[in-house]
Amino acid sequence: MPGLTDKLAAFGRYLLALRDGEQLRYRHARRVAAGLHRSLDEIRAAQLNRLRAVVERAYNHSVCYHERFDKIGFKPGDLKDFADLAQLPELTKIDLRDHATEMLCDDVPESEIITSRSGGTTGIPTRFFRDRSCQAFRRGLELLIFRYHGWSDGQWMGWLWGAAQEVRHPVGWRAKLTQHWGYRAFFLDIGRLTDAAYEEFAALVRRYRPPLLSAYPSLASDLAERIAAGRVSPIRVRSVSLTAEPAYAFQKATIREVLADEVFERYGTREFGLAAFECSAHCGLHTLPDSVHHEIVPVEGREMGAGPILVTDLVNRAMPLIRYRTGDIGMLNDRPCSCGLNLPRLDHIGGREADIIWRPDGTGISGQVPVVLVGNTSLKTRVQIVQETLEKIVVRYEGRPEDHGEQIARLIASFKQEMGECFEYRAEAVEQITLTMAGKYRYVISNVQRPGD
């Protein structure tokens, strides 16, 4: 339970929100929390009304959408049910890159528009816009889900995540006071992923005793592995909340064994913010239907109905994003959850479409397949699988060839058995596997398109 110091810090954080004009996040968090236990019929009815309003607004106020709808003869009144949304064309990252300003709505003042950019992990960095009310709503959702995952206002939170220098190390008494009595967050220095950097982070965990760590799965599992190996002093927290990368079962098992009593996932993108979260039942991720609407594009031959995820933003008034292809893969599940929430769930979020390995015959292999095979080994070094061409796969690993050669050879043999011998497999020892600009670790990278596309 939060103590007196935490409550004072929570008040300080609220004062900072007032100063920055962001106090609406608290109201949004309360409103969404009040609706979490609605029936599925109530959720669907409210979401359909929001969806109709978004489509009508886009047609009436966005030049880009007006032209797109007219081109196929679609009018807002044609959207009578969720299935009617499929009449509209998908919105791609290339569309967003090339037509962002044309997608803006003409009734939102320029002073209310915030510009942001995606991280470009799919190879197509994009610029997009949102209005200030939308931003406050997104931050309210983050506040709500952090609370749901075991954190309370005013408590410290550790981030296995990237942060600017001035955030990691505030300079001056004002900045330090604000950090200690308001924001109460500390970060790992992802620019130097050494035992010493992790030890500094662990020391902060022991000092501030945060109930929750927010983390990239790769960084949380890396820390847990270093603790298990005796290279970093032991720490344990109540919860770890994972996001920004696919979270694999072997990573979550390691984190739970070494680092945290509970491990949760949350799913989102920079364009839409937080879009789904894991509950205590750990049966998929509950979507947030007040914020976004999810669709799954069916793919012939794919198991369990999994396919590319399309998202329609129900909150962004400045730039409607309708049927936006996120580049991620998953499936939807409307069945009741044992946790008591009736929110639809996203299951089997299997990483990005860019992480699919394509065989020369046009059949695909989920990026999870080689990652699971790596997890089944006893390798104590990081591995990355890169499909360079339709016929060539490179298995990169950190270290010298003589350190892991035998284990890598066994791993490649398992790849041949599970993924086929249609590829040429090559091992490559590297000093360090490069992270993305945002500090993310990509286990699987495919540099080829599906044959015939």
Protein backbone atom coordinates (compact mmCIF):
# COMPACT_ATOMS: atom_id res chain seq x y z
CA MET A 1 0.00 0.00 0.00
CA PRO A 2 1.23 3.55 -0.72
CA GLY A 3 2.65 5.29 2.33
CA LEU A 4 2.49 8.95 3.33
CA THR A 5 5.53 9.80 1.21
CA ASP A 6 3.92 8.18 -1.84
CA LYS A 7 0.71 10.12 -1.27
CA LEU A 8 2.63 13.39 -1.05
CA ALA A 9 4.45 12.51 -4.28
CA ALA A 10 1.12 11.67 -5.93
CA PHE A 11 -0.13 15.14 -5.01
CA GLY A 12 3.08 16.61 -6.41
CA ARG A 13 2.58 14.73 -9.65
CA TYR A 14 -0.96 16.06 -9.92
CA LEU A 15 0.32 19.60 -9.40
CA LEU A 16 2.79 19.03 -12.24
CA ALA A 17 -0.08 17.85 -14.44
CA LEU A 18 -1.99 21.03 -13.57
CA ARG A 19 1.06 23.11 -14.43
CA ASP A 20 1.42 21.36 -17.79
CA GLY A 21 -2.31 21.42 -18.55
CA GLU A 22 -2.50 17.60 -18.47
CA GLN A 23 -4.86 17.02 -15.56
CA LEU A 24 -7.48 15.55 -17.93
CA ARG A 25 -5.57 12.27 -17.89
CA TYR A 26 -6.92 11.57 -14.39
CA ARG A 27 -10.51 12.15 -15.50
CA HIS A 28 -10.05 9.89 -18.54
CA ALA A 29 -8.51 7.15 -16.37
CA ARG A 30 -11.52 7.25 -14.02
CA ARG A 31 -14.03 7.22 -16.87
CA VAL A 32 -12.48 4.26 -18.69
CA ALA A 33 -12.05 2.36 -15.41
CA ALA A 34 -15.77 2.82 -14.68
CA GLY A 35 -16.64 1.11 -17.99
CA LEU A 36 -14.31 -1.87 -17.81
CA HIS A 37 -17.02 -4.21 -16.49
CA ARG A 38 -19.72 -3.48 -19.07
CA SER A 39 -21.36 -6.36 -20.91
CA LEU A 40 -20.01 -7.25 -24.35
CA ASP A 41 -23.24 -6.01 -25.97
CA GLU A 42 -22.87 -2.62 -24.26
CA ILE A 43 -19.22 -2.44 -25.30
CA ARG A 44 -20.01 -3.27 -28.92
CA ALA A 45 -22.91 -0.82 -29.14
CA ALA A 46 -20.83 2.06 -27.79
CA GLN A 47 -17.91 1.18 -30.04
CA LEU A 48 -20.06 1.05 -33.16
CA ASN A 49 -21.45 4.51 -32.39
CA ARG A 50 -17.89 5.83 -31.98
CA LEU A 51 -16.85 4.17 -35.22
CA ARG A 52 -19.72 5.75 -37.16
CA ALA A 53 -18.82 9.16 -35.73
CA VAL A 54 -15.18 8.75 -36.77
CA VAL A 55 -16.06 7.74 -40.33
CA GLU A 56 -18.54 10.61 -40.71
CA ARG A 57 -16.08 13.09 -39.31
CA ALA A 58 -13.29 11.88 -41.62
CA TYR A 59 -15.54 12.23 -44.67
CA ASN A 60 -16.72 15.72 -43.74
CA HIS A 61 -13.46 17.25 -42.54
CA SER A 62 -10.52 15.42 -44.17
CA VAL A 63 -9.69 15.98 -47.84
CA CYS A 64 -7.84 12.68 -48.06
CA TYR A 65 -10.66 10.56 -46.65
CA HIS A 66 -13.35 12.41 -48.62
CA GLU A 67 -11.52 11.51 -51.81
CA ARG A 68 -10.85 7.93 -50.72
CA PHE A 69 -14.50 7.32 -49.82
CA ASP A 70 -15.86 8.98 -52.97
CA LYS A 71 -13.52 6.91 -55.12
CA ILE A 72 -15.26 3.69 -54.02
CA GLY A 73 -18.74 5.25 -53.74
CA PHE A 74 -18.90 4.97 -49.94
CA LYS A 75 -20.95 7.36 -47.79
CA PRO A 76 -20.79 7.51 -43.96
CA GLY A 77 -24.39 6.28 -43.76
CA ASP A 78 -23.32 3.03 -45.41
CA LEU A 79 -21.61 1.97 -42.16
CA LYS A 80 -24.43 0.12 -40.43
CA ASP A 81 -22.42 -2.65 -38.78
CA PHE A 82 -18.82 -3.57 -38.06
CA ALA A 83 -18.68 -5.77 -41.17
CA ASP A 84 -19.36 -2.73 -43.38
CA LEU A 85 -15.99 -1.29 -42.41
CA ALA A 86 -14.35 -3.84 -44.72
CA GLN A 87 -15.64 -1.84 -47.71
CA LEU A 88 -13.07 0.85 -46.93
CA PRO A 89 -9.48 0.56 -48.17
CA GLU A 90 -6.69 -0.21 -45.73
CA LEU A 91 -4.45 2.63 -44.64
CA THR A 92 -0.75 1.77 -44.92
CA LYS A 93 2.40 3.28 -43.50
CA ILE A 94 3.24 4.50 -46.99
CA ASP A 95 -0.15 6.30 -47.14
CA LEU A 96 0.65 7.91 -43.82
CA ARG A 97 4.12 8.91 -44.94
CA ASP A 98 2.93 10.43 -48.24
CA HIS A 99 -0.44 11.98 -47.26
CA ALA A 100 -0.22 12.90 -43.56
CA THR A 101 -1.12 16.58 -43.94
CA GLU A 102 -4.01 15.80 -46.33
CA MET A 103 -5.49 13.50 -43.68
CA LEU A 104 -5.78 16.29 -41.11
CA CYS A 105 -9.26 17.49 -40.22
CA ASP A 106 -9.92 21.13 -41.09
CA ASP A 107 -11.88 21.94 -37.92
CA VAL A 108 -9.04 21.36 -35.43
CA PRO A 109 -7.01 24.52 -34.70
CA GLU A 110 -3.32 24.27 -35.46
CA SER A 111 -2.54 25.18 -31.85
CA GLU A 112 -4.28 21.97 -30.74
CA ILE A 113 -2.27 19.67 -33.03
CA ILE A 114 0.76 17.72 -31.79
CA THR A 115 3.28 16.24 -34.23
CA SER A 116 4.92 12.90 -33.54
CA ARG A 117 6.81 10.18 -35.39
CA SER A 118 6.84 6.40 -35.37
CA GLY A 119 10.02 4.53 -34.56
CA GLY A 120 10.39 3.07 -38.04
CA THR A 121 10.99 -0.51 -36.82
CA THR A 122 9.16 -1.80 -39.92
CA GLY A 123 11.52 0.16 -42.15
CA ILE A 124 9.09 3.02 -42.84
CA PRO A 125 9.40 5.84 -40.27
CA THR A 126 6.28 8.01 -40.43
CA ARG A 127 5.06 11.35 -39.19
CA PHE A 128 1.57 11.61 -37.71
CA PHE A 129 -0.57 14.06 -35.76
CA ARG A 130 -2.90 13.96 -32.79
CA ASP A 131 -4.86 16.61 -30.90
CA ARG A 132 -4.16 17.54 -27.28
CA SER A 133 -7.37 15.94 -26.01
CA CYS A 134 -6.36 12.67 -27.66
CA GLN A 135 -2.95 12.84 -26.01
CA ALA A 136 -4.53 13.38 -22.60
CA PHE A 137 -6.80 10.38 -23.21
CA ARG A 138 -3.85 8.17 -24.16
CA ARG A 139 -1.94 9.18 -21.04
CA GLY A 140 -5.04 8.46 -18.98
CA LEU A 141 -5.08 4.92 -20.37
CA GLU A 142 -1.42 4.44 -19.43
CA LEU A 143 -2.18 5.65 -15.92
CA LEU A 144 -5.11 3.23 -15.65
CA ILE A 145 -3.19 0.17 -16.85
CA PHE A 146 -0.16 0.87 -14.68
CA ARG A 147 -2.58 0.94 -11.74
CA TYR A 148 -4.15 -2.30 -12.98
CA HIS A 149 -0.70 -3.92 -13.10
CA GLY A 150 0.06 -3.10 -9.47
CA TRP A 151 1.36 0.47 -9.34
CA SER A 152 -0.23 3.31 -7.35
CA ASP A 153 0.00 7.07 -7.87
CA GLY A 154 3.08 8.49 -6.19
CA GLN A 155 5.07 5.26 -6.15
CA TRP A 156 8.37 4.93 -7.97
CA MET A 157 8.57 3.07 -11.27
CA GLY A 158 11.68 1.64 -12.91
CA TRP A 159 11.98 1.66 -16.69
CA LEU A 160 14.07 -0.85 -18.64
CA TRP A 161 13.66 1.52 -21.49
CA GLY A 162 15.33 4.38 -23.34
CA ALA A 163 15.34 7.89 -21.90
CA ALA A 164 17.07 11.17 -22.63
CA GLN A 165 20.15 12.10 -20.60
CA GLU A 166 18.33 14.87 -18.72
CA VAL A 167 15.63 12.39 -17.67
CA ARG A 168 18.11 9.73 -16.51
CA HIS A 169 20.27 12.26 -14.67
CA PRO A 170 18.34 15.45 -13.79
CA VAL A 171 20.63 18.44 -13.23
CA GLY A 172 19.89 21.21 -10.74
CA TRP A 173 17.80 21.31 -7.61
CA ARG A 174 14.53 22.08 -9.42
CA ALA A 175 14.89 19.12 -11.77
CA LYS A 176 15.91 16.80 -8.94
CA LEU A 177 13.02 17.97 -6.75
CA THR A 178 10.57 17.45 -9.61
CA GLN A 179 11.97 13.98 -10.23
CA HIS A 180 11.80 12.95 -6.57
CA TRP A 181 8.44 14.46 -5.63
CA GLY A 182 6.60 14.21 -8.94
CA TYR A 183 7.64 11.94 -11.75
CA ARG A 184 9.43 9.31 -9.59
CA ALA A 185 10.83 7.34 -12.53
CA PHE A 186 14.32 5.98 -13.14
CA PHE A 187 15.75 4.42 -16.28
CA LEU A 188 18.33 1.95 -17.49
CA ASP A 189 21.02 3.50 -19.66
CA ILE A 190 20.37 1.51 -22.85
CA GLY A 191 23.36 3.12 -24.51
CA ARG A 192 25.63 0.81 -22.50
CA LEU A 193 24.10 -2.56 -21.73
CA THR A 194 26.88 -3.74 -19.44
CA ASP A 195 26.82 -5.55 -16.11
CA ALA A 196 27.79 -2.25 -14.47
CA ALA A 197 24.82 -0.40 -16.03
CA TYR A 198 22.42 -3.13 -14.91
CA GLU A 199 23.97 -3.08 -11.43
CA GLU A 200 23.33 0.68 -11.21
CA PHE A 201 19.71 0.05 -12.18
CA ALA A 202 19.40 -2.75 -9.61
CA ALA A 203 20.78 -0.42 -6.93
CA LEU A 204 18.01 2.08 -7.74
CA VAL A 205 15.42 -0.70 -7.47
CA ARG A 206 16.69 -1.53 -3.98
CA ARG A 207 16.77 2.15 -3.03
CA TYR A 208 13.31 3.19 -4.27
CA ARG A 209 11.50 -0.18 -4.06
CA PRO A 210 9.16 0.31 -7.03
CA PRO A 211 6.27 -2.16 -7.19
CA LEU A 212 6.41 -2.13 -11.00
CA LEU A 213 9.01 -2.15 -13.75
CA SER A 214 7.99 -1.14 -17.27
CA ALA A 215 10.22 -2.92 -19.73
CA TYR A 216 11.12 -4.08 -23.19
CA PRO A 217 10.91 -7.89 -22.96
CA SER A 218 14.47 -8.29 -24.27
CA LEU A 219 15.89 -5.96 -21.59
CA ALA A 220 13.93 -7.49 -18.71
CA SER A 221 14.97 -11.01 -19.71
CA ASP A 222 18.57 -9.84 -20.21
CA LEU A 223 18.60 -8.42 -16.67
CA ALA A 224 17.05 -11.62 -15.28
CA GLU A 225 19.65 -13.77 -17.06
CA ARG A 226 22.51 -11.66 -15.69
CA ILE A 227 21.07 -11.95 -12.16
CA ALA A 228 20.69 -15.72 -12.57
CA ALA A 229 24.31 -15.96 -13.74
CA GLY A 230 25.53 -14.02 -10.68
CA ARG A 231 26.74 -11.05 -12.74
CA VAL A 232 24.20 -8.60 -11.23
CA SER A 233 23.00 -8.45 -7.62
CA PRO A 234 19.56 -10.03 -7.06
CA ILE A 235 16.42 -7.86 -7.03
CA ARG A 236 12.74 -8.74 -7.12
CA VAL A 237 9.64 -6.60 -7.71
CA ARG A 238 5.92 -7.23 -7.53
CA SER A 239 5.23 -6.82 -11.26
CA VAL A 240 6.90 -6.31 -14.62
CA SER A 241 4.80 -4.84 -17.43
CA LEU A 242 6.21 -5.68 -20.88
CA THR A 243 5.62 -3.83 -24.13
CA ALA A 244 7.11 -2.52 -27.41
CA GLU A 245 8.41 -5.93 -28.56
CA PRO A 246 6.95 -9.44 -28.87
CA ALA A 247 7.19 -11.12 -25.45
CA TYR A 248 8.13 -14.77 -25.85
CA ALA A 249 7.14 -17.48 -23.40
CA PHE A 250 10.72 -18.35 -22.44
CA GLN A 251 11.46 -14.68 -21.71
CA LYS A 252 8.41 -14.36 -19.47
CA ALA A 253 9.32 -17.58 -17.66
CA THR A 254 12.84 -16.29 -16.94
CA ILE A 255 11.54 -12.92 -15.74
CA ARG A 256 8.98 -14.57 -13.47
CA GLU A 257 11.52 -17.00 -12.02
CA VAL A 258 14.21 -14.42 -11.28
CA LEU A 259 12.82 -10.89 -11.29
CA ALA A 260 9.08 -10.51 -10.59
CA ASP A 261 6.10 -12.16 -8.92
CA GLU A 262 3.84 -11.23 -11.86
CA VAL A 263 4.57 -10.58 -15.53
CA PHE A 264 2.07 -8.74 -17.71
CA GLU A 265 2.04 -7.58 -21.30
CA ARG A 266 0.57 -4.47 -22.81
CA TYR A 267 0.28 -3.78 -26.53
CA GLY A 268 0.31 -0.52 -28.41
CA THR A 269 1.95 1.55 -31.12
CA ARG A 270 3.15 5.13 -31.24
CA GLU A 271 0.30 5.99 -33.60
CA PHE A 272 -2.43 4.68 -31.28
CA GLY A 273 -0.85 4.51 -27.86
CA LEU A 274 -1.89 1.71 -25.53
CA ALA A 275 -4.39 -0.58 -27.28
CA ALA A 276 -4.56 -3.79 -25.19
CA PHE A 277 -3.40 -5.15 -21.83
CA GLU A 278 -3.00 -8.48 -20.07
CA CYS A 279 -5.06 -9.31 -16.99
CA SER A 280 -4.32 -11.66 -14.09
CA ALA A 281 -5.84 -14.62 -15.98
CA HIS A 282 -3.06 -14.37 -18.61
CA CYS A 283 -5.34 -15.46 -21.46
CA GLY A 284 -4.62 -12.93 -24.17
CA LEU A 285 -4.65 -9.15 -24.00
CA HIS A 286 -7.89 -7.22 -23.40
CA THR A 287 -8.51 -4.51 -25.97
CA LEU A 288 -9.57 -0.96 -25.07
CA PRO A 289 -12.67 -0.43 -27.23
CA ASP A 290 -13.21 3.17 -26.08
CA SER A 291 -9.89 3.98 -27.72
CA VAL A 292 -9.49 1.76 -30.79
CA HIS A 293 -11.30 -0.79 -32.93
CA HIS A 294 -9.35 -3.87 -34.06
CA GLU A 295 -9.83 -5.99 -37.16
CA ILE A 296 -7.94 -9.07 -38.27
CA VAL A 297 -7.32 -9.55 -41.99
CA PRO A 298 -7.94 -13.23 -42.80
CA VAL A 299 -4.99 -15.01 -44.39
CA GLU A 300 -5.66 -18.20 -46.30
CA GLY A 301 -3.98 -21.20 -44.74
CA ARG A 302 -2.94 -19.47 -41.52
CA GLU A 303 -3.76 -21.37 -38.34
CA MET A 304 -6.24 -20.24 -35.68
CA GLY A 305 -7.53 -17.25 -37.66
CA ALA A 306 -4.44 -15.14 -36.98
CA GLY A 307 -3.67 -12.39 -39.45
CA PRO A 308 -2.48 -8.80 -39.88
CA ILE A 309 -3.99 -6.35 -37.39
CA LEU A 310 -5.90 -3.30 -38.63
CA VAL A 311 -6.70 -0.53 -36.14
CA THR A 312 -9.18 2.34 -36.35
CA ASP A 313 -8.54 5.18 -33.91
CA LEU A 314 -11.72 6.26 -32.08
CA VAL A 315 -10.20 9.24 -30.23
CA ASN A 316 -7.89 11.22 -32.52
CA ARG A 317 -9.86 14.21 -33.83
CA ALA A 318 -6.92 15.83 -35.61
CA MET A 319 -5.96 12.91 -37.85
CA PRO A 320 -8.42 10.02 -38.27
CA LEU A 321 -6.65 6.70 -38.77
CA ILE A 322 -9.14 4.27 -40.29
CA ARG A 323 -8.22 0.63 -40.95
CA TYR A 324 -4.53 1.32 -40.39
CA ARG A 325 -2.26 -1.68 -40.99
CA THR A 326 0.02 -1.76 -37.97
CA GLY A 327 2.43 -4.38 -39.27
CA ASP A 328 1.61 -6.68 -36.33
CA ILE A 329 -0.12 -10.07 -36.40
CA GLY A 330 -2.73 -11.48 -34.03
CA MET A 331 -6.25 -12.81 -33.65
CA LEU A 332 -9.42 -11.68 -31.86
CA ASN A 333 -11.26 -13.55 -29.12
CA ASP A 334 -14.69 -12.50 -27.81
CA ARG A 335 -15.12 -15.37 -25.33
CA PRO A 336 -15.62 -14.48 -21.64
CA CYS A 337 -12.46 -14.21 -19.55
CA SER A 338 -12.15 -15.74 -16.10
CA CYS A 339 -10.94 -12.37 -14.73
CA GLY A 340 -14.49 -11.03 -15.11
CA LEU A 341 -13.80 -8.47 -17.87
CA ASN A 342 -15.88 -8.72 -21.04
CA LEU A 343 -13.48 -6.70 -23.14
CA PRO A 344 -12.55 -8.51 -26.38
CA ARG A 345 -9.04 -9.96 -26.38
CA LEU A 346 -6.13 -10.02 -28.77
CA ASP A 347 -4.55 -13.47 -28.82
CA HIS A 348 -1.34 -14.76 -30.35
CA ILE A 349 0.23 -11.40 -31.10
CA GLY A 350 3.03 -12.96 -33.10
CA GLY A 351 5.30 -10.03 -33.84
CA ARG A 352 5.47 -7.95 -36.95
CA GLU A 353 4.65 -8.92 -40.49
CA ALA A 354 8.23 -7.85 -41.22
CA ASP A 355 9.34 -10.74 -39.02
CA ILE A 356 7.78 -13.45 -41.18
CA ILE A 357 10.33 -15.70 -42.87
CA TRP A 358 9.28 -16.49 -46.43
CA ARG A 359 10.18 -19.71 -48.20
CA PRO A 360 10.95 -19.63 -51.94
CA ASP A 361 7.63 -21.40 -52.63
CA GLY A 362 5.70 -18.50 -51.07
CA THR A 363 4.77 -20.16 -47.77
CA GLY A 364 5.57 -18.26 -44.58
CA ILE A 365 7.03 -19.12 -41.18
CA SER A 366 6.12 -17.08 -38.11
CA GLY A 367 9.10 -15.37 -36.52
CA GLN A 368 8.15 -17.08 -33.28
CA VAL A 369 9.25 -20.46 -34.65
CA PRO A 370 13.02 -19.79 -34.70
CA VAL A 371 12.78 -17.76 -31.48
CA VAL A 372 11.18 -20.69 -29.64
CA LEU A 373 13.90 -22.98 -31.01
CA VAL A 374 16.54 -20.60 -29.64
CA GLY A 375 14.70 -20.60 -26.29
CA ASN A 376 14.88 -24.41 -26.20
CA THR A 377 18.68 -24.35 -26.28
CA SER A 378 21.14 -23.79 -23.44
CA LEU A 379 22.82 -20.88 -25.24
CA LYS A 380 23.98 -18.15 -22.87
CA THR A 381 24.41 -15.48 -25.53
CA ARG A 382 22.09 -13.33 -27.59
CA VAL A 383 21.01 -14.56 -31.02
CA GLN A 384 19.39 -12.81 -33.98
CA ILE A 385 17.96 -14.48 -37.09
CA VAL A 386 18.18 -12.46 -40.32
CA GLN A 387 16.65 -13.56 -43.63
CA GLU A 388 18.85 -11.79 -46.15
CA THR A 389 17.35 -13.34 -49.31
CA LEU A 390 14.69 -15.93 -50.09
CA GLU A 391 17.36 -18.61 -49.92
CA LYS A 392 19.70 -17.33 -47.18
CA ILE A 393 19.28 -17.07 -43.41
CA VAL A 394 22.05 -15.70 -41.19
CA VAL A 395 22.21 -16.70 -37.51
CA ARG A 396 24.05 -13.94 -35.67
CA TYR A 397 25.29 -14.46 -32.13
CA GLU A 398 27.37 -12.46 -29.69
CA GLY A 399 30.80 -13.87 -28.94
CA ARG A 400 33.66 -15.65 -30.63
CA PRO A 401 33.10 -18.63 -32.97
CA GLU A 402 35.01 -20.93 -30.63
CA ASP A 403 32.75 -19.98 -27.69
CA HIS A 404 29.42 -21.24 -29.05
CA GLY A 405 30.21 -23.05 -32.30
CA GLU A 406 28.90 -26.46 -31.27
CA GLN A 407 25.64 -25.11 -29.83
CA ILE A 408 25.04 -22.88 -32.86
CA ALA A 409 25.57 -25.89 -35.13
CA ARG A 410 22.90 -27.81 -33.18
CA LEU A 411 20.59 -24.78 -33.40
CA ILE A 412 20.99 -24.59 -37.17
CA ALA A 413 20.26 -28.32 -37.39
CA SER A 414 16.97 -27.70 -35.54
CA PHE A 415 16.19 -24.83 -37.95
CA LYS A 416 16.67 -27.20 -40.89
CA GLN A 417 14.36 -29.74 -39.30
CA GLU A 418 11.59 -27.28 -38.38
CA MET A 419 11.82 -24.67 -41.14
CA GLY A 420 13.16 -26.79 -43.96
CA GLU A 421 16.35 -27.26 -45.92
CA CYS A 422 15.27 -24.84 -48.63
CA PHE A 423 17.49 -22.22 -46.98
CA GLU A 424 21.22 -21.79 -46.80
CA TYR A 425 22.01 -21.24 -43.11
CA ARG A 426 25.12 -19.31 -42.14
CA ALA A 427 26.43 -18.56 -38.64
CA GLU A 428 27.98 -15.17 -37.93
CA ALA A 429 29.76 -14.26 -34.70
CA VAL A 430 29.53 -10.56 -33.79
CA GLU A 431 30.82 -8.48 -30.90
CA GLN A 432 27.37 -7.02 -30.19
CA ILE A 433 23.96 -7.27 -31.83
CA THR A 434 22.79 -3.80 -32.78
CA LEU A 435 19.64 -2.45 -31.12
CA THR A 436 17.16 -0.21 -32.92
CA MET A 437 17.34 3.56 -32.39
CA ALA A 438 14.71 3.18 -29.64
CA GLY A 439 16.78 0.53 -27.87
CA LYS A 440 14.64 -2.42 -28.97
CA TYR A 441 16.04 -5.85 -29.72
CA ARG A 442 14.72 -7.60 -32.82
CA TYR A 443 15.12 -11.37 -32.66
CA VAL A 444 13.97 -11.93 -36.23
CA ILE A 445 14.50 -9.64 -39.23
CA SER A 446 13.25 -10.51 -42.70
CA ASN A 447 14.59 -8.36 -45.51
CA VAL A 448 12.49 -10.00 -48.23
CA GLN A 449 8.90 -9.75 -49.41
CA ARG A 450 6.56 -12.63 -49.94
CA PRO A 451 7.21 -14.12 -53.40
CA GLY A 452 4.73 -12.73 -55.89
CA ASP A 453 3.93 -9.53 -53.92
